[in-house]
C-alpha cells in the first residue's frame, strides 16, 4: 500500500513538470527574462526569431497572432516577430513552434 501511494505521488509530481516542456523552446537568455519579468518589463516588446516545423500555414499564422505576437517577416519555416514576454511564453506553448530566440542588434562595421 505504501509503495502504491509513493508511486502515485511520484507520478503526479512528474506530470507537473511535463507541462513546462514548452519553456525549453525558448533560448535561455529570453527564458530568464520571462521568468524574472515584472510589470515594467512586460510592457516592453521584444524582437525575436522563431522556427516552426514546416512553412507557416494561414491557420498557424492566425494562432500565432492570437497570442499577441506581431509577425514581421517569414522565410520558409522561420519568422521574425515582436511581442511582450507573456505573449512569447504563450507562443512557445503552440505545438508547431520548435524554437524561439531573442534577436540581437549588431552594429555594422564601418
N, C-alpha and C. Protein backbone atom coordinates (compact mmCIF):
# COMPACT_ATOMS: atom_id res chain seq x y z
N UNK A 1 0.82 -1.18 0.00
CA UNK A 1 0.00 0.00 0.00
C UNK A 1 0.87 1.26 0.00
N UNK A 2 1.90 1.25 0.86
CA UNK A 2 2.80 2.40 0.92
C UNK A 2 3.50 2.61 -0.42
N UNK A 3 3.93 1.52 -1.06
CA UNK A 3 4.61 1.63 -2.36
C UNK A 3 3.68 2.22 -3.42
N UNK A 4 2.44 1.81 -3.41
CA UNK A 4 1.47 2.32 -4.37
C UNK A 4 1.26 3.82 -4.18
N UNK A 5 1.13 4.24 -2.94
CA UNK A 5 0.97 5.65 -2.63
C UNK A 5 2.20 6.45 -3.05
N UNK A 6 3.37 5.88 -2.77
CA UNK A 6 4.64 6.52 -3.13
C UNK A 6 4.74 6.69 -4.64
N UNK A 7 4.39 5.66 -5.40
CA UNK A 7 4.45 5.71 -6.86
C UNK A 7 3.46 6.74 -7.41
N UNK A 8 2.30 6.82 -6.80
CA UNK A 8 1.29 7.78 -7.23
C UNK A 8 1.77 9.22 -7.03
N UNK A 9 2.42 9.49 -5.91
CA UNK A 9 2.97 10.82 -5.64
C UNK A 9 4.04 11.17 -6.66
N UNK A 10 4.91 10.23 -6.97
CA UNK A 10 5.96 10.48 -7.96
C UNK A 10 5.36 10.73 -9.34
N UNK A 11 4.37 9.95 -9.70
CA UNK A 11 3.73 10.12 -11.00
C UNK A 11 3.06 11.48 -11.12
N UNK A 12 2.36 11.91 -10.11
CA UNK A 12 1.67 13.20 -10.14
C UNK A 12 2.67 14.34 -10.19
N UNK A 13 3.73 14.26 -9.42
CA UNK A 13 4.72 15.34 -9.43
C UNK A 13 5.45 15.38 -10.77
N UNK A 14 5.67 14.25 -11.39
CA UNK A 14 6.31 14.20 -12.70
C UNK A 14 5.45 14.81 -13.78
N UNK A 15 4.15 14.65 -13.70
CA UNK A 15 3.24 15.22 -14.69
C UNK A 15 3.26 16.75 -14.64
N UNK A 16 3.47 17.31 -13.50
CA UNK A 16 3.53 18.76 -13.38
C UNK A 16 4.71 19.34 -14.12
N UNK A 17 5.83 18.65 -14.12
CA UNK A 17 7.00 19.16 -14.82
C UNK A 17 6.87 18.98 -16.32
N UNK A 18 6.10 18.02 -16.77
CA UNK A 18 5.92 17.82 -18.20
C UNK A 18 5.20 19.00 -18.83
N UNK A 19 4.38 19.69 -18.08
CA UNK A 19 3.64 20.82 -18.62
C UNK A 19 4.54 22.00 -18.94
N UNK A 20 5.74 22.05 -18.41
CA UNK A 20 6.66 23.15 -18.66
C UNK A 20 7.68 22.85 -19.74
N UNK A 21 7.52 21.75 -20.46
CA UNK A 21 8.46 21.40 -21.52
C UNK A 21 8.53 22.46 -22.61
N UNK A 22 7.47 23.20 -22.80
CA UNK A 22 7.45 24.24 -23.83
C UNK A 22 8.50 25.31 -23.56
N UNK A 23 8.87 25.51 -22.30
CA UNK A 23 9.84 26.56 -21.97
C UNK A 23 11.22 26.28 -22.56
N UNK A 24 11.52 25.02 -22.83
CA UNK A 24 12.82 24.69 -23.41
C UNK A 24 12.90 25.06 -24.88
N UNK A 25 11.79 25.50 -25.47
CA UNK A 25 11.80 26.02 -26.84
C UNK A 25 12.37 27.43 -26.87
N UNK A 26 12.37 28.09 -25.73
CA UNK A 26 12.81 29.48 -25.62
C UNK A 26 14.29 29.51 -25.23
N UNK A 27 15.09 30.33 -25.92
CA UNK A 27 16.52 30.37 -25.60
C UNK A 27 16.72 30.83 -24.15
N UNK A 28 17.79 30.38 -23.50
CA UNK A 28 17.99 30.62 -22.06
C UNK A 28 17.95 32.09 -21.65
N UNK A 29 18.49 32.99 -22.46
CA UNK A 29 18.51 34.40 -22.09
C UNK A 29 17.09 34.96 -22.06
N UNK A 30 16.31 34.66 -23.07
CA UNK A 30 14.94 35.14 -23.13
C UNK A 30 14.07 34.46 -22.07
N UNK A 31 14.32 33.18 -21.83
CA UNK A 31 13.57 32.44 -20.79
C UNK A 31 13.82 33.06 -19.42
N UNK A 32 15.06 33.46 -19.14
CA UNK A 32 15.38 34.10 -17.86
C UNK A 32 14.64 35.43 -17.72
N UNK A 33 14.55 36.18 -18.82
CA UNK A 33 13.82 37.44 -18.77
C UNK A 33 12.33 37.22 -18.52
N UNK A 34 11.78 36.17 -19.11
CA UNK A 34 10.37 35.84 -18.89
C UNK A 34 10.14 35.46 -17.43
N UNK A 35 11.01 34.61 -16.90
CA UNK A 35 10.85 34.14 -15.52
C UNK A 35 11.08 35.25 -14.50
N UNK A 36 11.84 36.27 -14.86
CA UNK A 36 12.14 37.37 -13.94
C UNK A 36 11.39 38.64 -14.29
N UNK A 37 10.36 38.52 -15.13
CA UNK A 37 9.67 39.72 -15.60
C UNK A 37 8.83 40.35 -14.49
N UNK A 38 8.64 41.64 -14.63
CA UNK A 38 7.76 42.38 -13.74
C UNK A 38 6.84 43.24 -14.60
N UNK A 39 6.06 44.09 -14.01
CA UNK A 39 5.10 44.90 -14.76
C UNK A 39 5.78 45.81 -15.77
N UNK A 40 6.94 46.34 -15.43
CA UNK A 40 7.64 47.25 -16.33
C UNK A 40 8.14 46.51 -17.56
N UNK A 41 8.83 45.39 -17.35
CA UNK A 41 9.40 44.67 -18.48
C UNK A 41 8.31 44.02 -19.33
N UNK A 42 7.14 43.76 -18.76
CA UNK A 42 6.08 43.15 -19.54
C UNK A 42 5.43 44.14 -20.49
N UNK A 43 5.68 45.43 -20.31
CA UNK A 43 5.14 46.41 -21.23
C UNK A 43 6.06 46.63 -22.43
N UNK A 44 7.27 46.08 -22.37
CA UNK A 44 8.26 46.22 -23.44
C UNK A 44 8.06 45.11 -24.46
N UNK A 45 8.17 45.44 -25.74
CA UNK A 45 8.08 44.43 -26.77
C UNK A 45 9.49 43.98 -27.16
N UNK A 46 9.64 42.68 -27.35
CA UNK A 46 10.92 42.09 -27.68
C UNK A 46 10.88 41.58 -29.12
N UNK A 47 11.98 41.77 -29.84
CA UNK A 47 12.13 41.20 -31.17
C UNK A 47 12.72 39.81 -31.03
N UNK A 48 12.27 38.89 -31.86
CA UNK A 48 12.77 37.51 -31.77
C UNK A 48 12.67 36.81 -33.11
N UNK A 49 13.35 35.68 -33.19
CA UNK A 49 13.26 34.75 -34.32
C UNK A 49 12.58 33.49 -33.81
N UNK A 50 11.76 32.88 -34.63
CA UNK A 50 11.13 31.62 -34.23
C UNK A 50 11.17 30.65 -35.40
N UNK A 51 11.26 29.38 -35.07
CA UNK A 51 11.29 28.32 -36.08
C UNK A 51 10.07 27.43 -35.86
N UNK A 52 9.40 27.09 -36.95
CA UNK A 52 8.26 26.18 -36.90
C UNK A 52 8.62 24.90 -37.64
N UNK A 53 7.78 23.86 -37.49
CA UNK A 53 8.08 22.56 -38.08
C UNK A 53 8.16 22.62 -39.60
N UNK A 54 7.20 23.27 -40.22
CA UNK A 54 7.16 23.40 -41.67
C UNK A 54 6.80 24.84 -42.00
N UNK A 55 6.67 25.15 -43.27
CA UNK A 55 6.30 26.50 -43.66
C UNK A 55 4.99 26.89 -42.99
N UNK A 56 4.89 28.13 -42.53
CA UNK A 56 3.73 28.60 -41.78
C UNK A 56 2.48 28.61 -42.66
N UNK A 57 1.43 27.98 -42.16
CA UNK A 57 0.14 27.99 -42.85
C UNK A 57 -0.67 29.19 -42.36
N UNK A 58 -1.78 29.46 -43.05
CA UNK A 58 -2.65 30.57 -42.64
C UNK A 58 -3.23 30.32 -41.24
N UNK A 59 -3.58 29.07 -40.95
CA UNK A 59 -4.12 28.73 -39.64
C UNK A 59 -3.08 28.94 -38.54
N UNK A 60 -1.83 28.53 -38.80
CA UNK A 60 -0.76 28.73 -37.82
C UNK A 60 -0.49 30.22 -37.62
N UNK A 61 -0.52 30.98 -38.70
CA UNK A 61 -0.32 32.43 -38.60
C UNK A 61 -1.39 33.05 -37.70
N UNK A 62 -2.62 32.60 -37.87
CA UNK A 62 -3.72 33.11 -37.05
C UNK A 62 -3.51 32.76 -35.58
N UNK A 63 -3.08 31.51 -35.30
CA UNK A 63 -2.83 31.10 -33.91
C UNK A 63 -1.70 31.91 -33.29
N UNK A 64 -0.68 32.19 -34.08
CA UNK A 64 0.45 33.00 -33.60
C UNK A 64 -0.04 34.39 -33.22
N UNK A 65 -0.80 35.00 -34.12
CA UNK A 65 -1.29 36.36 -33.87
C UNK A 65 -2.26 36.41 -32.70
N UNK A 66 -3.00 35.33 -32.45
CA UNK A 66 -3.91 35.29 -31.30
C UNK A 66 -3.17 35.34 -29.97
N UNK A 67 -1.89 34.96 -29.95
CA UNK A 67 -1.11 35.05 -28.72
C UNK A 67 -0.69 36.48 -28.42
N UNK A 68 -0.87 37.39 -29.39
CA UNK A 68 -0.45 38.77 -29.21
C UNK A 68 0.85 39.09 -29.93
N UNK A 69 1.36 38.15 -30.67
CA UNK A 69 2.61 38.34 -31.40
C UNK A 69 2.34 39.02 -32.73
N UNK A 70 3.23 39.93 -33.11
CA UNK A 70 3.17 40.57 -34.43
C UNK A 70 4.23 39.91 -35.31
N UNK A 71 3.80 39.26 -36.37
CA UNK A 71 4.74 38.65 -37.30
C UNK A 71 5.26 39.74 -38.23
N UNK A 72 6.60 39.82 -38.35
CA UNK A 72 7.19 40.86 -39.19
C UNK A 72 7.64 40.33 -40.53
N UNK A 73 8.29 39.17 -40.57
CA UNK A 73 8.70 38.58 -41.84
C UNK A 73 8.73 37.07 -41.70
N UNK A 74 8.52 36.40 -42.84
CA UNK A 74 8.51 34.94 -42.87
C UNK A 74 9.37 34.47 -44.03
N UNK A 75 10.29 33.57 -43.75
CA UNK A 75 11.08 32.91 -44.78
C UNK A 75 11.03 31.42 -44.49
N UNK A 76 10.29 30.72 -45.32
CA UNK A 76 10.06 29.28 -45.19
C UNK A 76 9.53 28.94 -43.80
N UNK A 77 10.33 28.27 -42.97
CA UNK A 77 9.84 27.86 -41.65
C UNK A 77 10.42 28.70 -40.50
N UNK A 78 10.93 29.87 -40.84
CA UNK A 78 11.47 30.78 -39.83
C UNK A 78 10.77 32.13 -39.97
N UNK A 79 10.41 32.73 -38.85
CA UNK A 79 9.81 34.06 -38.92
C UNK A 79 10.38 34.96 -37.83
N UNK A 80 10.34 36.25 -38.10
CA UNK A 80 10.71 37.23 -37.10
C UNK A 80 9.42 37.82 -36.55
N UNK A 81 9.46 38.16 -35.30
CA UNK A 81 8.27 38.70 -34.67
C UNK A 81 8.61 39.65 -33.56
N UNK A 82 7.56 40.23 -33.01
CA UNK A 82 7.70 41.18 -31.91
C UNK A 82 6.54 40.92 -30.95
N UNK A 83 6.84 40.94 -29.66
CA UNK A 83 5.77 40.75 -28.69
C UNK A 83 6.26 40.91 -27.27
N UNK A 84 5.32 41.00 -26.37
CA UNK A 84 5.62 41.10 -24.94
C UNK A 84 6.02 39.72 -24.42
N UNK A 85 6.64 39.70 -23.26
CA UNK A 85 7.14 38.44 -22.70
C UNK A 85 6.04 37.41 -22.50
N UNK A 86 4.87 37.84 -22.00
CA UNK A 86 3.77 36.90 -21.80
C UNK A 86 3.31 36.29 -23.12
N UNK A 87 3.29 37.10 -24.17
CA UNK A 87 2.89 36.60 -25.49
C UNK A 87 3.92 35.61 -26.03
N UNK A 88 5.19 35.88 -25.82
CA UNK A 88 6.24 34.97 -26.28
C UNK A 88 6.13 33.65 -25.54
N UNK A 89 5.83 33.71 -24.26
CA UNK A 89 5.65 32.49 -23.47
C UNK A 89 4.47 31.68 -24.01
N UNK A 90 3.37 32.35 -24.36
CA UNK A 90 2.20 31.67 -24.93
C UNK A 90 2.52 31.09 -26.31
N UNK A 91 3.34 31.79 -27.07
CA UNK A 91 3.76 31.31 -28.38
C UNK A 91 4.49 29.98 -28.26
N UNK A 92 5.34 29.87 -27.25
CA UNK A 92 6.12 28.64 -27.05
C UNK A 92 5.22 27.43 -26.77
N UNK A 93 4.03 27.67 -26.28
CA UNK A 93 3.11 26.57 -25.96
C UNK A 93 2.49 25.95 -27.20
N UNK A 94 2.56 26.64 -28.34
CA UNK A 94 1.99 26.10 -29.57
C UNK A 94 2.81 24.91 -30.04
N UNK A 95 2.15 23.83 -30.41
CA UNK A 95 2.86 22.59 -30.73
C UNK A 95 3.71 22.67 -31.99
N UNK A 96 3.41 23.56 -32.91
CA UNK A 96 4.18 23.64 -34.15
C UNK A 96 5.41 24.55 -34.04
N UNK A 97 5.58 25.21 -32.90
CA UNK A 97 6.76 26.04 -32.66
C UNK A 97 7.89 25.16 -32.16
N UNK A 98 9.05 25.25 -32.80
CA UNK A 98 10.21 24.43 -32.41
C UNK A 98 11.16 25.21 -31.50
N UNK A 99 11.45 26.47 -31.85
CA UNK A 99 12.42 27.25 -31.08
C UNK A 99 12.13 28.74 -31.20
N UNK A 100 12.47 29.47 -30.15
CA UNK A 100 12.34 30.93 -30.13
C UNK A 100 13.65 31.49 -29.59
N UNK A 101 14.19 32.49 -30.29
CA UNK A 101 15.47 33.08 -29.88
C UNK A 101 15.36 34.60 -29.93
N UNK A 102 15.82 35.23 -28.89
CA UNK A 102 15.79 36.70 -28.82
C UNK A 102 16.72 37.28 -29.89
N UNK A 103 16.24 38.30 -30.58
CA UNK A 103 17.06 38.97 -31.60
C UNK A 103 18.11 39.83 -30.93
N UNK A 104 19.26 39.88 -31.53
CA UNK A 104 20.33 40.73 -31.04
C UNK A 104 20.62 41.79 -32.08
N UNK A 105 20.74 43.02 -31.65
CA UNK A 105 21.10 44.09 -32.57
C UNK A 105 22.62 44.19 -32.63
N UNK A 106 23.12 44.12 -33.85
CA UNK A 106 24.56 44.23 -34.06
C UNK A 106 24.86 45.51 -34.85
N UNK A 107 25.93 46.17 -34.46
CA UNK A 107 26.34 47.36 -35.19
C UNK A 107 27.16 46.93 -36.39
N UNK A 108 26.93 47.60 -37.50
CA UNK A 108 27.68 47.30 -38.71
C UNK A 108 29.09 47.85 -38.59
N UNK A 109 30.03 47.16 -39.20
CA UNK A 109 31.40 47.64 -39.22
C UNK A 109 31.51 48.83 -40.17
N UNK A 110 32.29 49.79 -39.79
CA UNK A 110 32.47 50.96 -40.65
C UNK A 110 33.78 50.91 -41.37
